[in-house]
Amino acid sequence: MLAKGRCVKTRVSLNKKKKKKKKKKKKRKKMNQNLSSLLIGLVGAALTLSAYSQTWVSPTECITAGLLVLVFGLLVNEGFISI
């Protein structure tokens, strides 16, 4: 009887460990997703702000490209697009 109790406790503790590992994996994935969307957002902001300081592309095109990159970063952050 005592051995069965130990076995059940071991199974319960193994299940808890597996659940903790899954939670850590999800949290790590979410952190990577947030970091990716942050970097994409920074690139989009830089594109948008550079519209007034560069002369290669018209400001309208540069602002449009920057906003599209920002929207892409938002979609990554929300999980609609995975990288």
C-alpha atoms as a PDB file:
ATOM      1  CA  MET A   1       0.000   0.000   0.000  1.00  0.00           C
ATOM      2  CA  LEU A   2       2.797   2.366   0.845  1.00  0.00           C
ATOM      3  CA  ALA A   3       4.572   1.658  -2.443  1.00  0.00           C
ATOM      4  CA  LYS A   4       1.423   2.541  -4.398  1.00  0.00           C
ATOM      5  CA  GLY A   5       1.184   5.853  -2.574  1.00  0.00           C
ATOM      6  CA  ARG A   6       4.751   6.693  -3.508  1.00  0.00           C
ATOM      7  CA  CYS A   7       4.090   5.740  -7.120  1.00  0.00           C
ATOM      8  CA  VAL A   8       1.050   8.031  -7.295  1.00  0.00           C
ATOM      9  CA  LYS A   9       3.016  10.880  -5.732  1.00  0.00           C
ATOM     10  CA  THR A  10       5.808  10.348  -8.247  1.00  0.00           C
ATOM     11  CA  ARG A  11       3.357  10.442 -11.146  1.00  0.00           C
ATOM     12  CA  VAL A  12       1.774  13.616  -9.824  1.00  0.00           C
ATOM     13  CA  SER A  13       5.157  15.285  -9.408  1.00  0.00           C
ATOM     14  CA  LEU A  14       6.180  14.208 -12.929  1.00  0.00           C
ATOM     15  CA  ASN A  15       2.968  15.672 -14.342  1.00  0.00           C
ATOM     16  CA  LYS A  16       3.652  18.930 -12.495  1.00  0.00           C
ATOM     17  CA  LYS A  17       7.176  19.036 -13.895  1.00  0.00           C
ATOM     18  CA  LYS A  18       5.873  18.462 -17.431  1.00  0.00           C
ATOM     19  CA  LYS A  19       3.319  21.246 -17.015  1.00  0.00           C
ATOM     20  CA  LYS A  20       6.015  23.610 -15.747  1.00  0.00           C
ATOM     21  CA  LYS A  21       8.207  22.798 -18.749  1.00  0.00           C
ATOM     22  CA  LYS A  22       5.304  23.486 -21.123  1.00  0.00           C
ATOM     23  CA  LYS A  23       4.617  26.812 -19.412  1.00  0.00           C
ATOM     24  CA  LYS A  24       8.277  27.789 -19.668  1.00  0.00           C
ATOM     25  CA  LYS A  25       8.302  26.858 -23.355  1.00  0.00           C
ATOM     26  CA  LYS A  26       5.197  28.960 -24.034  1.00  0.00           C
ATOM     27  CA  LYS A  27       6.627  31.888 -22.085  1.00  0.00           C
ATOM     28  CA  ARG A  28       9.928  31.674 -23.976  1.00  0.00           C
ATOM     29  CA  LYS A  29       8.080  31.524 -27.301  1.00  0.00           C
ATOM     30  CA  LYS A  30       5.999  34.563 -26.350  1.00  0.00           C
ATOM     31  CA  MET A  31       9.141  36.454 -25.318  1.00  0.00           C
ATOM     32  CA  ASN A  32      10.776  35.665 -28.660  1.00  0.00           C
ATOM     33  CA  GLN A  33       7.617  36.764 -30.449  1.00  0.00           C
ATOM     34  CA  ASN A  34       7.539  40.020 -28.483  1.00  0.00           C
ATOM     35  CA  LEU A  35      11.208  40.673 -29.159  1.00  0.00           C
ATOM     36  CA  SER A  36      10.764  40.047 -32.881  1.00  0.00           C
ATOM     37  CA  SER A  37       7.783  42.386 -33.069  1.00  0.00           C
ATOM     38  CA  LEU A  38       9.699  45.042 -31.117  1.00  0.00           C
ATOM     39  CA  LEU A  39      12.606  44.884 -33.551  1.00  0.00           C
ATOM     40  CA  ILE A  40      10.246  45.018 -36.532  1.00  0.00           C
ATOM     41  CA  GLY A  41       8.497  48.001 -34.957  1.00  0.00           C
ATOM     42  CA  LEU A  42      11.793  49.800 -34.434  1.00  0.00           C
ATOM     43  CA  VAL A  43      12.713  49.256 -38.076  1.00  0.00           C
ATOM     44  CA  GLY A  44       9.310  50.596 -39.132  1.00  0.00           C
ATOM     45  CA  ALA A  45       9.674  53.641 -36.902  1.00  0.00           C
ATOM     46  CA  ALA A  46      13.156  54.300 -38.268  1.00  0.00           C
ATOM     47  CA  LEU A  47      11.830  54.080 -41.823  1.00  0.00           C
ATOM     48  CA  THR A  48       9.001  56.449 -41.030  1.00  0.00           C
ATOM     49  CA  LEU A  49      11.242  58.971 -39.296  1.00  0.00           C
ATOM     50  CA  SER A  50      13.904  58.813 -41.987  1.00  0.00           C
ATOM     51  CA  ALA A  51      11.406  60.111 -44.544  1.00  0.00           C
ATOM     52  CA  TYR A  52      12.409  63.683 -43.787  1.00  0.00           C
ATOM     53  CA  SER A  53      16.168  63.240 -43.688  1.00  0.00           C
ATOM     54  CA  GLN A  54      16.893  61.258 -46.861  1.00  0.00           C
ATOM     55  CA  THR A  55      16.475  62.124 -50.528  1.00  0.00           C
ATOM     56  CA  TRP A  56      16.545  58.745 -52.305  1.00  0.00           C
ATOM     57  CA  VAL A  57      12.850  58.006 -51.900  1.00  0.00           C
ATOM     58  CA  SER A  58       9.981  60.465 -51.672  1.00  0.00           C
ATOM     59  CA  PRO A  59       8.728  61.144 -48.142  1.00  0.00           C
ATOM     60  CA  THR A  60       5.291  59.725 -48.982  1.00  0.00           C
ATOM     61  CA  GLU A  61       6.759  56.401 -50.120  1.00  0.00           C
ATOM     62  CA  CYS A  62       9.041  56.219 -47.089  1.00  0.00           C
ATOM     63  CA  ILE A  63       6.201  56.909 -44.646  1.00  0.00           C
ATOM     64  CA  THR A  64       4.021  54.327 -46.398  1.00  0.00           C
ATOM     65  CA  ALA A  65       6.767  51.696 -46.212  1.00  0.00           C
ATOM     66  CA  GLY A  66       7.383  52.485 -42.546  1.00  0.00           C
ATOM     67  CA  LEU A  67       3.710  52.171 -41.683  1.00  0.00           C
ATOM     68  CA  LEU A  68       3.454  48.860 -43.536  1.00  0.00           C
ATOM     69  CA  VAL A  69       6.409  47.539 -41.565  1.00  0.00           C
ATOM     70  CA  LEU A  70       4.744  48.720 -38.333  1.00  0.00           C
ATOM     71  CA  VAL A  71       1.537  46.897 -39.268  1.00  0.00           C
ATOM     72  CA  PHE A  72       3.593  43.787 -40.016  1.00  0.00           C
ATOM     73  CA  GLY A  73       5.158  44.038 -36.546  1.00  0.00           C
ATOM     74  CA  LEU A  74       1.684  44.334 -35.021  1.00  0.00           C
ATOM     75  CA  LEU A  75       0.531  41.202 -36.850  1.00  0.00           C
ATOM     76  CA  VAL A  76       3.579  39.322 -35.582  1.00  0.00           C
ATOM     77  CA  ASN A  77       2.919  40.500 -32.040  1.00  0.00           C
ATOM     78  CA  GLU A  78      -0.730  39.411 -32.172  1.00  0.00           C
ATOM     79  CA  GLY A  79       0.266  35.975 -33.471  1.00  0.00           C
ATOM     80  CA  PHE A  80      -1.396  36.161 -36.891  1.00  0.00           C
ATOM     81  CA  ILE A  81       2.008  35.804 -38.566  1.00  0.00           C
ATOM     82  CA  SER A  82       4.804  33.699 -37.105  1.00  0.00           C
ATOM     83  CA  ILE A  83       8.446  34.199 -37.950  1.00  0.00           C
END
